Protein backbone atom coordinates (compact mmCIF):
# COMPACT_ATOMS: atom_id res chain seq x y z
CA MET A 1 91.35 -14.85 -48.46
CA GLN A 2 93.22 -11.95 -50.17
CA ASN A 3 96.55 -12.90 -51.74
CA ASN A 4 99.50 -11.15 -50.04
CA ASN A 5 100.88 -10.22 -53.34
CA GLN A 6 97.68 -8.22 -53.96
CA ILE A 7 98.21 -6.12 -50.89
CA LYS A 8 99.70 -2.91 -51.95
CA LYS A 9 102.24 -1.25 -49.58
CA SER A 10 101.54 2.19 -48.25
CA TRP A 11 103.68 4.69 -49.92
CA TYR A 12 105.63 5.51 -46.66
CA LYS A 13 106.71 1.87 -46.40
CA LYS A 14 108.31 1.74 -49.91
CA TRP A 15 111.92 2.48 -50.29
CA TRP A 16 111.42 5.77 -51.91
CA GLY A 17 108.94 6.78 -49.28
CA ILE A 18 111.40 5.97 -46.65
CA ILE A 19 114.03 8.03 -48.19
CA PHE A 20 111.66 10.96 -48.82
CA ILE A 21 110.75 10.88 -45.04
CA THR A 22 114.33 10.68 -43.85
CA ILE A 23 115.39 13.63 -46.10
CA ALA A 24 112.41 15.72 -44.95
CA THR A 25 113.14 14.98 -41.38
CA LEU A 26 116.60 15.96 -41.68
CA MET A 27 115.67 19.21 -43.41
CA LEU A 28 113.08 20.08 -40.65
CA ILE A 29 115.79 19.44 -37.91
CA ILE A 30 118.18 21.74 -39.89
CA PHE A 31 115.62 24.46 -40.18
CA VAL A 32 114.56 24.28 -36.66
CA ALA A 33 118.20 24.46 -35.47
CA PHE A 34 118.83 27.40 -37.80
CA GLY A 35 115.72 29.08 -36.31
CA PHE A 36 116.94 28.69 -32.77
CA TYR A 37 120.30 29.94 -33.75
CA VAL A 38 118.78 33.17 -35.23
CA TYR A 39 116.54 33.56 -32.24
CA ASN A 40 119.31 33.19 -29.63
CA LEU A 41 121.28 36.01 -31.83
CA VAL A 42 118.43 38.32 -31.73
CA LYS A 43 117.67 37.53 -27.97
CA THR A 44 121.35 38.33 -27.10
CA LEU A 45 121.02 41.60 -29.29
CA ASN A 46 117.83 42.68 -27.55
CA SER A 47 119.03 41.82 -23.95
CA ASP A 48 122.52 43.31 -24.19
CA THR A 49 122.77 47.16 -23.56
CA GLN A 50 126.54 47.39 -24.19
CA TYR A 51 126.41 47.55 -28.08
CA ASN A 52 126.29 51.25 -28.20
CA SER A 53 129.46 53.08 -29.26
CA ASN A 54 129.83 55.19 -26.03
CA SER A 55 130.05 52.11 -23.93
CA TYR A 56 132.71 50.55 -26.21
CA ASN A 57 134.78 53.81 -26.08
CA GLU A 58 134.79 53.54 -22.27
CA LEU A 59 136.67 50.11 -22.40
CA SER A 60 140.34 50.30 -21.43
CA GLU A 61 142.91 50.83 -24.09
CA GLU A 62 144.33 47.48 -23.21
CA VAL A 63 141.08 45.76 -23.81
CA ARG A 64 140.47 47.54 -26.88
CA LYS A 65 143.84 46.45 -28.30
CA LYS A 66 143.27 42.89 -27.27
CA ILE A 67 140.15 42.87 -29.52
CA GLU A 68 141.18 45.23 -32.30
CA GLY A 69 144.91 44.22 -32.50
CA GLU A 70 147.47 46.64 -33.80
CA ASN A 71 148.05 47.61 -37.47
CA ASN A 72 145.50 44.95 -38.58
CA TYR A 73 143.71 45.45 -41.90
CA TRP A 74 140.43 47.39 -41.76
CA VAL A 75 137.85 48.92 -44.04
CA GLY A 76 135.15 51.45 -43.48
CA SER A 77 135.13 54.54 -41.18
CA ALA A 78 138.12 55.90 -39.34
CA LYS A 79 135.80 57.33 -36.82
CA PRO A 80 133.11 54.61 -36.61
CA LYS A 81 129.99 54.29 -34.46
CA ILE A 82 130.25 50.64 -34.86
CA THR A 83 133.56 48.51 -34.73
CA ILE A 84 133.26 45.07 -35.93
CA VAL A 85 136.39 42.77 -35.42
CA GLU A 86 136.34 39.34 -37.21
CA PHE A 87 138.55 36.46 -36.20
CA ALA A 88 138.63 34.35 -39.37
CA ASP A 89 140.23 31.56 -41.15
CA PHE A 90 140.59 31.53 -44.92
CA ALA A 91 140.14 27.83 -45.02
CA CYS A 92 136.91 28.01 -42.97
CA SER A 93 133.61 27.28 -44.96
CA TYR A 94 131.54 29.52 -42.56
CA CYS A 95 133.94 32.32 -42.93
CA GLU A 96 133.49 32.01 -46.77
CA LYS A 97 129.90 32.04 -46.38
CA SER A 98 130.20 35.25 -44.29
CA PHE A 99 132.42 37.24 -46.32
CA PRO A 100 130.03 38.48 -49.08
CA LYS A 101 127.67 39.69 -46.21
CA ILE A 102 130.44 41.42 -44.34
CA ARG A 103 131.71 43.06 -47.61
CA GLU A 104 128.26 44.42 -48.31
CA ILE A 105 127.96 45.94 -44.87
CA SER A 106 131.28 47.53 -45.40
CA ILE A 107 130.01 49.35 -48.47
CA LYS A 108 126.54 50.07 -47.25
CA TYR A 109 127.61 51.39 -43.79
CA LYS A 110 131.01 52.73 -44.88
CA ASN A 111 130.47 56.28 -42.97
CA ASP A 112 129.46 54.50 -39.76
CA VAL A 113 131.14 50.96 -39.59
CA LYS A 114 134.69 49.94 -39.31
CA ILE A 115 135.50 46.30 -40.03
CA ILE A 116 138.92 44.85 -38.85
CA TYR A 117 140.08 41.45 -39.93
CA ARG A 118 142.14 39.30 -37.65
CA ASP A 119 143.63 35.92 -38.40
CA MET A 120 142.66 32.85 -36.45
CA PRO A 121 144.35 29.95 -38.35
CA LEU A 122 142.93 26.74 -37.05
CA ARG A 123 143.05 24.47 -40.15
CA GLU A 124 145.50 22.74 -42.35
CA ASN A 125 147.30 25.40 -44.55
CA SER A 126 145.48 28.27 -42.93
CA GLU A 127 148.61 30.00 -41.71
CA LYS A 128 150.05 30.12 -45.34
CA LEU A 129 146.84 31.59 -46.56
CA ALA A 130 146.93 34.31 -43.86
CA MET A 131 150.41 35.01 -44.95
CA ALA A 132 149.55 35.30 -48.50
CA ALA A 133 146.92 37.97 -47.66
CA ARG A 134 149.39 39.91 -45.69
CA CYS A 135 152.06 39.65 -48.37
CA ALA A 136 149.57 41.09 -50.78
CA GLY A 137 148.65 43.71 -48.32
CA GLU A 138 152.17 45.23 -48.20
CA GLN A 139 151.45 46.04 -51.77
CA GLY A 140 148.33 47.71 -50.95
CA LEU A 141 146.25 44.60 -52.21
CA PHE A 142 145.00 42.87 -48.94
CA TRP A 143 141.19 43.05 -49.57
CA LEU A 144 141.63 41.95 -53.07
CA MET A 145 143.65 38.89 -51.91
CA HIS A 146 141.09 38.43 -49.05
CA ASP A 147 138.26 38.18 -51.51
CA LYS A 148 140.15 36.06 -53.85
CA LEU A 149 141.28 33.42 -51.12
CA PHE A 150 137.52 32.98 -50.13
CA GLN A 151 136.37 33.01 -53.77
CA ASN A 152 138.79 30.07 -54.46
CA GLN A 153 138.63 28.31 -51.08
CA GLY A 154 140.22 25.04 -51.14
CA ILE A 155 143.54 25.98 -52.66
CA LYS A 156 146.69 24.79 -50.89
CA SER A 157 149.85 24.70 -53.29
CA ASP A 158 152.29 27.61 -53.51
CA SER A 159 151.58 27.78 -57.39
CA ASP A 160 147.92 28.20 -56.86
CA ILE A 161 148.49 30.99 -54.34
CA THR A 162 151.01 32.66 -56.65
CA GLU A 163 148.25 32.52 -59.48
CA LEU A 164 145.95 34.49 -57.30
CA ALA A 165 148.61 36.86 -56.46
CA LYS A 166 149.17 37.39 -60.20
CA GLN A 167 145.44 37.89 -60.98
CA ILE A 168 145.26 40.77 -58.50
CA GLY A 169 148.36 42.39 -59.88
CA THR A 170 151.14 42.07 -57.36
CA ASP A 171 154.73 42.19 -57.99
CA ILE A 172 155.25 38.30 -57.86
CA SER A 173 158.82 38.58 -56.96
CA LYS A 174 158.32 40.53 -53.89
CA PHE A 175 155.25 38.54 -53.16
CA ASN A 176 156.96 35.23 -53.35
CA ASN A 177 159.77 36.48 -51.28
CA CYS A 178 157.52 37.64 -48.55
CA LEU A 179 155.55 34.43 -48.64
CA ASN A 180 158.55 32.18 -48.53
CA SER A 181 160.23 34.11 -45.70
CA ASN A 182 157.17 33.81 -43.42
CA LYS A 183 157.61 37.66 -43.03
CA TYR A 184 154.37 38.26 -41.08
CA ILE A 185 154.41 35.07 -38.76
CA GLN A 186 154.76 37.08 -35.84
CA GLN A 187 151.73 39.15 -36.52
CA ILE A 188 149.54 36.09 -37.42
CA GLN A 189 150.63 34.51 -34.14
CA LYS A 190 149.82 37.57 -32.31
CA ASP A 191 146.23 37.61 -33.61
CA PHE A 192 145.88 33.83 -32.72
CA SER A 193 147.19 34.63 -29.35
CA ASP A 194 144.80 37.41 -28.63
CA GLY A 195 142.08 35.18 -29.83
CA THR A 196 142.81 32.58 -27.58
CA ASP A 197 142.94 35.05 -24.69
CA LEU A 198 139.49 36.30 -25.77
CA GLU A 199 138.24 32.61 -25.86
CA VAL A 200 137.61 32.38 -29.52
CA LYS A 201 137.12 28.88 -30.07
CA GLY A 202 135.85 28.72 -33.62
CA THR A 203 135.70 30.85 -36.77
CA PRO A 204 134.17 33.17 -37.77
CA THR A 205 133.84 34.93 -34.28
CA TRP A 206 132.80 38.56 -34.06
CA PHE A 207 133.41 41.37 -31.62
CA ILE A 208 130.65 44.02 -32.34
CA ASN A 209 131.60 47.12 -30.14
CA GLY A 210 133.33 44.61 -27.84
CA ASN A 211 130.60 42.16 -27.58
CA LYS A 212 131.26 38.63 -28.89
CA LEU A 213 128.94 36.53 -31.30
CA GLU A 214 129.88 33.50 -33.06
CA GLY A 215 129.14 31.81 -36.38
CA ASP A 216 127.79 32.86 -39.83
CA ILE A 217 125.32 35.47 -39.02
CA PRO A 218 122.42 36.10 -41.35
CA LEU A 219 122.31 39.44 -43.15
CA SER A 220 118.84 40.21 -41.66
CA VAL A 221 120.49 39.89 -38.20
CA TRP A 222 123.42 42.01 -39.00
CA GLU A 223 121.01 44.74 -40.42
CA GLU A 224 119.01 44.47 -37.12
CA ILE A 225 122.10 44.81 -35.00
CA ILE A 226 123.57 47.65 -36.86
CA GLY A 227 120.20 49.45 -36.99
CA LYS A 228 119.92 49.23 -33.19
CA ILE A 229 123.39 50.48 -32.43
CA LEU A 230 122.96 53.45 -34.77
CA GLN A 231 119.71 54.31 -33.20
CA LYS A 232 121.48 54.34 -29.86
CA SER A 233 124.42 56.46 -31.11
């Protein structure tokens, strides 16, 4: 009779085999979930006929203002074929992943696309970070601060925020006075209120010519969306 000690365990029964199978299973689940997410985005794009700029221009001024806001910071074309409105949070990890892609789009399609940034502070300290961007903005440095806040996501203290403001060249005295006085709190709260009315439940949420999409959209999907709209324009 064979001794039990001489029976070798199959690799998948050993501790390292179990760990390997567990990790592989989790990766497969994530991959499949991401695939479904992209599929649904593309399906929404293909089934929706309202992305073209003409239909967006036909929306009432009230609806457009609710989506775009008033006097919000934007980059790109003043007469766009595509208007992308982002409701975002500087403390949101998905927004941090999205920002390099949206900045790339703003450069590549600068003659056709207008990108508007709106605040949706849902997390701890988010309101102060939104305030910091706007205080830099009154010195013409909003987008530099926007990028710095995402590149240094996780900062919380006033001293860390001030250090970023110094790095981009703000007048620190004016910046700190603005930050400490909550100068733009009403504008931030207006963005939040509009987002709530538009049923923005998480960040980032996008309105592309008035059509809502949610989450960190892959660059390839952005390219497809923009390409389809430009073909219709």
